[in-house]
C-alpha atoms as a PDB file:
ATOM      1  CA  MET A   1       0.000   0.000   0.000  1.00  0.00           C
ATOM      2  CA  THR A   2       1.194   3.513  -0.800  1.00  0.00           C
ATOM      3  CA  GLU A   3       1.494   5.993   2.026  1.00  0.00           C
ATOM      4  CA  LEU A   4       0.569   9.635   1.651  1.00  0.00           C
ATOM      5  CA  ARG A   5       2.292  12.054   3.977  1.00  0.00           C
ATOM      6  CA  ILE A   6       1.124  15.615   4.294  1.00  0.00           C
ATOM      7  CA  GLU A   7       3.742  17.651   6.089  1.00  0.00           C
ATOM      8  CA  ASP A   8       2.356  21.073   5.197  1.00  0.00           C
ATOM      9  CA  GLU A   9       0.815  22.710   8.266  1.00  0.00           C
ATOM     10  CA  GLU A  10      -1.924  24.515   6.338  1.00  0.00           C
ATOM     11  CA  ALA A  11      -2.932  21.349   4.475  1.00  0.00           C
ATOM     12  CA  CYS A  12      -3.170  19.452   7.761  1.00  0.00           C
ATOM     13  CA  LYS A  13      -5.267  22.201   9.343  1.00  0.00           C
ATOM     14  CA  LEU A  14      -7.602  22.307   6.359  1.00  0.00           C
ATOM     15  CA  ALA A  15      -7.983  18.536   6.357  1.00  0.00           C
ATOM     16  CA  ALA A  16      -8.643  18.516  10.110  1.00  0.00           C
ATOM     17  CA  GLU A  17     -11.252  21.250   9.716  1.00  0.00           C
ATOM     18  CA  LEU A  18     -12.993  19.281   6.983  1.00  0.00           C
ATOM     19  CA  VAL A  19     -12.968  16.172   9.182  1.00  0.00           C
ATOM     20  CA  GLU A  20     -14.560  18.196  11.968  1.00  0.00           C
ATOM     21  CA  LEU A  21     -17.176  19.756   9.693  1.00  0.00           C
ATOM     22  CA  THR A  22     -18.192  16.547   7.943  1.00  0.00           C
ATOM     23  CA  GLY A  23     -17.602  13.982  10.652  1.00  0.00           C
ATOM     24  CA  ASP A  24     -15.921  11.808   8.015  1.00  0.00           C
ATOM     25  CA  SER A  25     -12.560  10.114   8.383  1.00  0.00           C
ATOM     26  CA  LEU A  26      -9.377  11.834   7.310  1.00  0.00           C
ATOM     27  CA  ARG A  27      -8.994   9.254   4.541  1.00  0.00           C
ATOM     28  CA  LEU A  28     -12.488   9.954   3.240  1.00  0.00           C
ATOM     29  CA  VAL A  29     -12.170  13.740   3.246  1.00  0.00           C
ATOM     30  CA  VAL A  30      -8.826  13.577   1.430  1.00  0.00           C
ATOM     31  CA  VAL A  31     -10.142  11.128  -1.178  1.00  0.00           C
ATOM     32  CA  THR A  32     -13.331  13.172  -1.652  1.00  0.00           C
ATOM     33  CA  ALA A  33     -11.407  16.425  -1.984  1.00  0.00           C
ATOM     34  CA  LEU A  34      -9.060  14.882  -4.536  1.00  0.00           C
ATOM     35  CA  ARG A  35     -11.957  13.411  -6.541  1.00  0.00           C
ATOM     36  CA  ASP A  36     -13.755  16.749  -6.505  1.00  0.00           C
ATOM     37  CA  GLU A  37     -10.662  18.623  -7.677  1.00  0.00           C
ATOM     38  CA  ILE A  38      -9.998  16.054 -10.405  1.00  0.00           C
ATOM     39  CA  GLY A  39     -13.594  16.541 -11.578  1.00  0.00           C
ATOM     40  CA  ARG A  40     -13.132  20.319 -11.700  1.00  0.00           C
ATOM     41  CA  ALA A  41      -9.779  19.984 -13.499  1.00  0.00           C
ATOM     42  CA  ARG A  42     -11.303  17.633 -16.095  1.00  0.00           C
ATOM     43  CA  ALA A  43     -14.221  20.024 -16.610  1.00  0.00           C
ATOM     44  CA  ARG A  44     -11.781  22.930 -17.138  1.00  0.00           C
ATOM     45  CA  ARG A  45      -9.734  20.865 -19.583  1.00  0.00           C
ATOM     46  CA  ASP A  46     -12.843  19.740 -21.487  1.00  0.00           C
ATOM     47  CA  ARG A  47     -14.140  23.323 -21.645  1.00  0.00           C
ATOM     48  CA  HIS A  48     -10.747  24.494 -22.914  1.00  0.00           C
ATOM     49  CA  ASP A  49     -10.679  21.730 -25.529  1.00  0.00           C
ATOM     50  CA  ARG A  50     -14.178  22.676 -26.743  1.00  0.00           C
ATOM     51  CA  ILE A  51     -13.226  26.355 -26.962  1.00  0.00           C
ATOM     52  CA  MET A  52     -10.086  25.497 -28.925  1.00  0.00           C
ATOM     53  CA  ALA A  53     -12.076  23.265 -31.313  1.00  0.00           C
ATOM     54  CA  ILE A  54     -14.576  26.071 -31.920  1.00  0.00           C
ATOM     55  CA  THR A  55     -11.725  28.533 -32.432  1.00  0.00           C
ATOM     56  CA  ARG A  56     -10.078  26.238 -34.987  1.00  0.00           C
ATOM     57  CA  GLU A  57     -13.401  25.766 -36.771  1.00  0.00           C
ATOM     58  CA  ILE A  58     -13.960  29.519 -36.962  1.00  0.00           C
ATOM     59  CA  ALA A  59     -10.394  30.110 -38.150  1.00  0.00           C
ATOM     60  CA  MET A  60     -10.795  27.526 -40.904  1.00  0.00           C
ATOM     61  CA  SER A  61     -14.135  28.970 -42.035  1.00  0.00           C
ATOM     62  CA  VAL A  62     -12.640  32.468 -42.209  1.00  0.00           C
ATOM     63  CA  ARG A  63      -9.558  31.257 -44.079  1.00  0.00           C
ATOM     64  CA  ALA A  64     -11.487  29.251 -46.666  1.00  0.00           C
ATOM     65  CA  PRO A  65     -13.298  32.238 -48.283  1.00  0.00           C
ATOM     66  CA  VAL A  66     -10.098  34.300 -48.347  1.00  0.00           C
ATOM     67  CA  THR A  67      -8.233  31.458 -50.029  1.00  0.00           C
ATOM     68  CA  ALA A  68     -11.053  31.039 -52.562  1.00  0.00           C
ATOM     69  CA  LEU A  69     -10.993  34.753 -53.423  1.00  0.00           C
ATOM     70  CA  ALA A  70      -7.209  34.770 -53.845  1.00  0.00           C
ATOM     71  CA  GLY A  71      -7.495  32.140 -56.589  1.00  0.00           C
ATOM     72  CA  ARG A  72      -9.721  34.348 -58.784  1.00  0.00           C
END
């Protein structure tokens, strides 16, 4: 089994506060927090990927008419 050590004082205080607020175990609050953050990070990445795809699509549609006119 892999061991996770958190030696940062602020991280330990935050984790302890979350344990107190939720009544869950330290393991559960850490796992839940990590899952939640992974979900947010994936959502940000997916949103970024969609924006970039739309941007590329717009760029290609703008370029195509200009290219067609240049050939006249």
